[in-house]
Amino acid sequence: MVWHLLAYLPLLFPLPAALAARPLAERLEPRLATWLLTGSALALAALGCAALGVLAVAGAVRIPLAGLLGGWSVGTVRAGDTVSASEAAIAGVVLTVAAVAGVRMLWRRVRALVATVFEAACLPGSGQLVVVEDAAPDAYALPGLPGRVVVSTGMLDALDDADRQAMIAHERAHLACHHYAFVAVAQLAAAVNPLLRPVAAAVTYTIERWADERAATECGNRRQVARAVGKAAMATAHSRSRRRLPETVLGLLGRRRNPLAAAGPVPRRVAALLAEPRVYSLPLNLPLLPLAGVAAVVGSSALCAFAAAHDLHVLLEVAGAR
């Protein structure tokens, strides 16, 4: 039956999304790119799980006990169902692995967020900016109630007054725009479907570009923000490894696990800040072609998953009528 083939297509649609992730991250306005990539990653991961669920159910309904409980003819189901028992079993295993990976990632992110909230609450003072005595250059945003911007004395020493202003504006942008939530959703989708890892990586880049642009708007000087990013990267690259921070922490150089891991995106961010600024007038100046492409991929995936589920439902209704 046609639905048998349709059920596999949502498992393949993350491939074009992964290939298009970096070009979209580079060419679209950062805020739009973040929303678009995060939303499409979540949708594709969910639709892929739905397709796996249809395949697994297609195998389960062939079991005589399921037919007895459901009130349908197992013989009719087997005659009209082209999904083999091995296919259904593999789909069930893959779906289970994806669900476990998603739950584990969700649990990790929730634990990290709780740890971050407690850490932010325990910092001294009541203002948003907190300066800590530490020779290692560091600066990051801690989501919390309220969120805090933490800057080490080593980072302050590495930057001049204008660079400090740009750096603090960048970190405040992370808090104001709730960038940790976008990263968490994108990583959750990538945990469920590893094909979406390039999309999650693109989101970690677009939130930094989003914060860069907000900082440039606040400071009124794009070159100042570019200089701050570059000087912070140079200072951090020569420092020793820093203490482990919760996964929800975001900083001027991107992800916090390894400062050198951001060496690739940092030059691209600096180049974007030094280039002629693009004029965005959302929502009037939306890039229709990228939006249409993303809508086509997600819409086709949704249509295939729905059609497969609908055809299986029709088959069960026919089997139940006999």
Protein backbone atom coordinates (compact mmCIF):
# COMPACT_ATOMS: atom_id res chain seq x y z
CA MET A 1 0.00 0.00 0.00
CA VAL A 2 1.03 3.60 -0.57
CA TRP A 3 0.95 4.47 3.12
CA HIS A 4 3.79 2.02 3.72
CA LEU A 5 6.12 4.23 1.66
CA LEU A 6 4.70 7.48 3.04
CA ALA A 7 5.58 6.40 6.57
CA TYR A 8 9.28 6.40 5.70
CA LEU A 9 9.42 9.86 4.15
CA PRO A 10 9.21 11.84 7.45
CA LEU A 11 12.34 9.96 8.51
CA LEU A 12 14.22 11.40 5.51
CA PHE A 13 13.03 15.01 5.54
CA PRO A 14 15.54 16.02 8.27
CA LEU A 15 18.30 15.49 5.67
CA PRO A 16 17.45 18.57 3.54
CA ALA A 17 16.86 20.51 6.75
CA ALA A 18 20.34 19.59 7.96
CA LEU A 19 21.90 20.61 4.63
CA ALA A 20 20.07 23.94 4.59
CA ALA A 21 20.70 24.80 8.26
CA ARG A 22 24.03 26.60 7.90
CA PRO A 23 23.08 28.59 4.75
CA LEU A 24 19.89 29.73 6.45
CA ALA A 25 21.80 30.66 9.60
CA GLU A 26 24.21 32.77 7.57
CA ARG A 27 21.74 34.52 5.27
CA LEU A 28 18.64 35.12 7.36
CA GLU A 29 18.14 37.75 10.01
CA PRO A 30 19.38 36.05 13.22
CA ARG A 31 16.12 36.28 15.15
CA LEU A 32 14.10 34.88 12.25
CA ALA A 33 16.71 32.18 11.62
CA THR A 34 16.60 31.12 15.27
CA TRP A 35 12.84 30.81 15.36
CA LEU A 36 12.70 29.10 11.96
CA LEU A 37 15.43 26.54 12.66
CA THR A 38 14.22 25.76 16.18
CA GLY A 39 10.60 25.35 15.16
CA SER A 40 11.39 23.22 12.12
CA ALA A 41 13.75 20.98 14.13
CA LEU A 42 11.09 20.36 16.77
CA ALA A 43 8.41 19.69 14.15
CA LEU A 44 10.57 17.31 12.10
CA ALA A 45 11.64 15.38 15.19
CA ALA A 46 8.02 14.99 16.32
CA LEU A 47 6.80 13.97 12.86
CA GLY A 48 9.60 11.42 12.54
CA CYS A 49 8.52 9.87 15.83
CA ALA A 50 4.92 9.84 14.60
CA ALA A 51 5.98 7.98 11.45
CA LEU A 52 7.90 5.43 13.50
CA GLY A 53 4.85 5.03 15.69
CA VAL A 54 2.66 4.28 12.65
CA LEU A 55 5.10 1.61 11.48
CA ALA A 56 5.28 0.07 14.95
CA VAL A 57 1.49 0.04 15.29
CA ALA A 58 1.19 -1.52 11.83
CA GLY A 59 3.12 -4.48 13.15
CA ALA A 60 1.30 -4.64 16.46
CA VAL A 61 -2.17 -4.83 14.86
CA ARG A 62 -1.16 -8.06 13.08
CA ILE A 63 -0.90 -9.86 16.41
CA PRO A 64 -3.95 -12.09 17.05
CA LEU A 65 -4.37 -10.79 20.60
CA ALA A 66 -4.47 -7.22 19.29
CA GLY A 67 -7.13 -8.20 16.77
CA LEU A 68 -9.17 -9.86 19.50
CA LEU A 69 -8.97 -6.81 21.74
CA GLY A 70 -9.51 -4.33 18.91
CA GLY A 71 -12.29 -6.24 17.22
CA TRP A 72 -10.78 -6.50 13.74
CA SER A 73 -9.87 -9.37 11.43
CA VAL A 74 -6.15 -10.10 11.65
CA GLY A 75 -6.31 -11.90 8.30
CA THR A 76 -7.72 -8.80 6.60
CA VAL A 77 -5.09 -6.62 8.22
CA ARG A 78 -2.28 -8.91 7.07
CA ALA A 79 -3.69 -8.99 3.54
CA GLY A 80 -3.80 -5.21 3.28
CA ASP A 81 -0.77 -4.36 5.38
CA THR A 82 2.59 -4.46 3.59
CA VAL A 83 4.69 -3.68 6.67
CA SER A 84 6.67 -6.74 7.64
CA ALA A 85 7.09 -7.87 11.23
CA SER A 86 10.81 -7.08 11.10
CA GLU A 87 10.13 -3.55 9.85
CA ALA A 88 7.63 -2.95 12.62
CA ALA A 89 10.00 -4.35 15.25
CA ILE A 90 12.88 -2.16 14.06
CA ALA A 91 10.60 0.89 14.02
CA GLY A 92 9.51 0.13 17.58
CA VAL A 93 13.09 -0.21 18.77
CA VAL A 94 14.17 3.00 17.04
CA LEU A 95 11.17 4.84 18.46
CA THR A 96 12.00 3.58 21.95
CA VAL A 97 15.63 4.67 21.62
CA ALA A 98 14.54 8.11 20.35
CA ALA A 99 12.06 8.52 23.20
CA VAL A 100 14.65 7.52 25.81
CA ALA A 101 17.22 9.90 24.29
CA GLY A 102 14.67 12.70 24.27
CA VAL A 103 13.67 12.11 27.89
CA ARG A 104 17.31 11.98 28.97
CA MET A 105 18.09 15.24 27.17
CA LEU A 106 15.00 16.89 28.64
CA TRP A 107 15.99 15.74 32.12
CA ARG A 108 19.53 17.05 31.65
CA ARG A 109 18.29 20.44 30.49
CA VAL A 110 15.80 20.73 33.35
CA ARG A 111 18.48 19.80 35.89
CA ALA A 112 20.88 22.30 34.33
CA LEU A 113 18.25 25.04 34.39
CA VAL A 114 17.43 24.36 38.04
CA ALA A 115 21.14 24.41 38.91
CA THR A 116 21.55 27.68 37.02
CA VAL A 117 18.60 29.29 38.80
CA PHE A 118 20.03 28.32 42.20
CA GLU A 119 23.50 29.51 41.22
CA ALA A 120 22.13 32.83 40.00
CA ALA A 121 20.19 33.28 43.26
CA CYS A 122 23.28 32.56 45.35
CA LEU A 123 25.46 35.15 43.66
CA PRO A 124 26.21 38.24 45.77
CA GLY A 125 24.35 41.49 45.26
CA SER A 126 20.94 42.23 43.83
CA GLY A 127 21.86 43.75 40.47
CA GLN A 128 21.96 41.94 37.17
CA LEU A 129 25.73 42.36 36.75
CA VAL A 130 28.02 40.35 39.02
CA VAL A 131 31.82 40.70 39.01
CA VAL A 132 33.75 37.72 40.40
CA GLU A 133 37.39 37.65 41.43
CA ASP A 134 38.98 35.33 38.89
CA ALA A 135 42.12 35.87 36.84
CA ALA A 136 40.77 33.67 34.02
CA PRO A 137 38.87 35.81 31.47
CA ASP A 138 35.23 34.76 31.48
CA ALA A 139 31.80 36.25 30.91
CA TYR A 140 28.46 34.49 30.72
CA ALA A 141 24.73 34.83 31.30
CA LEU A 142 22.98 32.78 33.98
CA PRO A 143 19.24 32.31 33.39
CA GLY A 144 17.36 32.67 36.64
CA LEU A 145 14.81 34.63 38.64
CA PRO A 146 16.26 37.09 37.90
CA GLY A 147 18.97 36.20 35.42
CA ARG A 148 22.50 37.40 36.11
CA VAL A 149 25.43 38.45 33.95
CA VAL A 150 28.68 37.15 35.45
CA VAL A 151 32.00 38.71 34.46
CA SER A 152 35.40 37.81 35.85
CA THR A 153 38.02 40.39 36.74
CA GLY A 154 40.28 38.70 34.22
CA MET A 155 37.82 39.49 31.42
CA LEU A 156 37.43 43.08 32.60
CA ASP A 157 41.20 43.47 32.54
CA ALA A 158 41.36 42.12 28.99
CA LEU A 159 38.84 44.64 27.63
CA ASP A 160 38.66 48.42 27.60
CA ASP A 161 35.57 50.38 28.63
CA ALA A 162 33.93 50.30 25.18
CA ASP A 163 34.54 46.56 24.83
CA ARG A 164 33.12 45.93 28.30
CA GLN A 165 29.96 47.77 27.35
CA ALA A 166 29.57 45.63 24.22
CA MET A 167 30.29 42.42 26.12
CA ILE A 168 27.73 43.17 28.83
CA ALA A 169 25.13 44.16 26.22
CA HIS A 170 25.69 40.82 24.49
CA GLU A 171 25.16 38.85 27.70
CA ARG A 172 22.06 40.85 28.59
CA ALA A 173 20.65 40.04 25.16
CA HIS A 174 20.95 36.32 25.94
CA LEU A 175 18.84 36.81 29.05
CA ALA A 176 16.30 39.18 27.52
CA CYS A 177 15.61 36.91 24.53
CA HIS A 178 15.62 33.63 26.51
CA HIS A 179 18.22 32.12 24.20
CA TYR A 180 18.79 29.15 26.48
CA ALA A 181 15.26 27.96 25.65
CA PHE A 182 15.97 27.90 21.91
CA VAL A 183 19.17 25.93 22.46
CA ALA A 184 17.35 23.47 24.73
CA VAL A 185 14.56 22.82 22.21
CA ALA A 186 17.01 22.41 19.31
CA GLN A 187 19.17 20.00 21.31
CA LEU A 188 16.09 18.04 22.35
CA ALA A 189 15.12 17.63 18.69
CA ALA A 190 18.67 16.57 17.81
CA ALA A 191 18.68 14.00 20.63
CA VAL A 192 15.47 12.47 19.29
CA ASN A 193 16.73 12.52 15.68
CA PRO A 194 20.54 12.75 15.25
CA LEU A 195 20.06 13.89 11.64
CA LEU A 196 19.01 17.24 13.12
CA ARG A 197 22.34 17.87 14.85
CA PRO A 198 23.45 20.37 12.16
CA VAL A 199 20.23 22.29 12.79
CA ALA A 200 20.93 22.40 16.54
CA ALA A 201 24.48 23.58 15.82
CA ALA A 202 23.09 26.30 13.57
CA VAL A 203 20.79 27.46 16.37
CA THR A 204 23.75 27.84 18.76
CA TYR A 205 25.27 30.12 16.11
CA THR A 206 22.15 32.16 15.34
CA ILE A 207 21.49 32.99 18.99
CA GLU A 208 25.03 34.41 19.21
CA ARG A 209 24.43 36.45 16.07
CA TRP A 210 21.11 37.59 17.53
CA ALA A 211 22.86 38.73 20.70
CA ASP A 212 25.60 40.39 18.63
CA GLU A 213 23.05 42.41 16.67
CA ARG A 214 21.18 43.48 19.79
CA ALA A 215 24.44 44.52 21.40
CA ALA A 216 25.40 46.48 18.28
CA THR A 217 22.05 48.25 18.33
CA GLU A 218 22.43 49.10 22.02
CA CYS A 219 26.00 50.32 21.65
CA GLY A 220 25.44 51.98 18.31
CA ASN A 221 28.74 50.62 16.98
CA ARG A 222 29.02 47.28 15.18
CA ARG A 223 32.83 47.46 15.03
CA GLN A 224 32.92 47.87 18.78
CA VAL A 225 30.99 44.61 19.27
CA ALA A 226 33.20 42.84 16.71
CA ARG A 227 36.29 44.04 18.53
CA ALA A 228 34.93 42.87 21.87
CA VAL A 229 34.15 39.40 20.47
CA GLY A 230 37.60 39.11 18.93
CA LYS A 231 39.49 40.33 22.01
CA ALA A 232 37.46 38.08 24.31
CA ALA A 233 38.21 35.09 22.06
CA MET A 234 41.94 35.83 22.09
CA ALA A 235 42.01 36.28 25.86
CA THR A 236 40.00 33.12 26.51
CA ALA A 237 42.04 30.99 24.10
CA HIS A 238 45.18 31.65 26.16
CA SER A 239 43.56 30.95 29.52
CA ARG A 240 43.45 27.59 31.26
CA SER A 241 40.34 25.45 31.45
CA ARG A 242 37.58 26.96 33.51
CA ARG A 243 35.23 25.44 36.03
CA ARG A 244 32.30 23.42 34.77
CA LEU A 245 29.12 25.44 34.35
CA PRO A 246 25.50 24.36 33.81
CA GLU A 247 24.49 23.62 30.22
CA THR A 248 22.05 26.52 30.14
CA VAL A 249 24.88 29.04 30.48
CA LEU A 250 25.52 31.17 27.39
CA GLY A 251 28.49 33.41 26.85
CA LEU A 252 30.08 35.83 24.45
CA LEU A 253 31.91 33.01 22.67
CA GLY A 254 29.05 30.54 22.47
CA ARG A 255 28.93 27.17 24.23
CA ARG A 256 30.82 26.96 27.48
CA ARG A 257 32.33 23.46 27.40
CA ASN A 258 35.44 24.38 25.46
CA PRO A 259 36.36 27.93 24.54
CA LEU A 260 38.31 26.75 21.49
CA ALA A 261 35.23 24.96 20.14
CA ALA A 262 33.83 28.37 19.21
CA ALA A 263 36.87 29.24 17.09
CA GLY A 264 34.95 28.43 13.91
CA PRO A 265 31.79 30.49 14.48
CA VAL A 266 33.64 33.43 16.08
CA PRO A 267 35.37 34.63 12.88
CA ARG A 268 32.07 34.34 10.99
CA ARG A 269 30.36 36.47 13.63
CA VAL A 270 33.11 39.07 13.53
CA ALA A 271 32.94 39.16 9.72
CA ALA A 272 29.16 39.62 9.85
CA LEU A 273 29.53 42.53 12.27
CA LEU A 274 32.21 44.18 10.14
CA ALA A 275 30.25 43.75 6.91
CA GLU A 276 27.71 46.24 5.66
CA PRO A 277 24.63 45.81 7.88
CA ARG A 278 21.63 44.29 6.18
CA VAL A 279 18.33 46.08 6.45
CA TYR A 280 15.58 43.90 7.92
CA SER A 281 12.04 45.15 8.31
CA LEU A 282 10.22 42.19 9.74
CA PRO A 283 7.57 41.11 9.06
CA LEU A 284 7.26 43.19 5.88
CA ASN A 285 10.57 42.12 4.38
CA LEU A 286 10.40 38.38 4.97
CA PRO A 287 12.63 36.20 2.75
CA LEU A 288 9.89 34.27 1.00
CA LEU A 289 12.05 31.64 -0.70
CA PRO A 290 13.70 30.24 2.47
CA LEU A 291 10.38 30.39 4.30
CA ALA A 292 8.67 28.56 1.45
CA GLY A 293 11.40 25.91 1.45
CA VAL A 294 11.12 25.28 5.18
CA ALA A 295 7.32 25.23 4.96
CA ALA A 296 7.52 22.73 2.10
CA VAL A 297 9.81 20.37 4.02
CA VAL A 298 7.85 20.50 7.28
CA GLY A 299 4.49 20.49 5.50
CA SER A 300 5.41 17.50 3.33
CA SER A 301 6.62 15.61 6.39
CA ALA A 302 3.37 16.36 8.20
CA LEU A 303 1.29 15.39 5.19
CA CYS A 304 3.08 12.05 4.79
CA ALA A 305 2.79 11.19 8.47
CA PHE A 306 -0.89 12.09 8.50
CA ALA A 307 -1.60 10.16 5.29
CA ALA A 308 0.15 7.06 6.61
CA ALA A 309 -1.78 7.22 9.88
CA HIS A 310 -5.06 7.83 8.05
CA ASP A 311 -4.57 4.91 5.67
CA LEU A 312 -3.73 2.58 8.56
CA HIS A 313 -6.88 3.78 10.32
CA VAL A 314 -8.96 3.06 7.20
CA LEU A 315 -7.44 -0.42 6.97
CA LEU A 316 -8.40 -1.15 10.56
CA GLU A 317 -11.92 0.10 9.95
CA VAL A 318 -12.26 -2.21 6.94
CA ALA A 319 -10.83 -5.12 8.93
CA GLY A 320 -13.24 -4.39 11.76
CA ALA A 321 -16.23 -4.45 9.43
CA ARG A 322 -15.55 -8.02 8.32
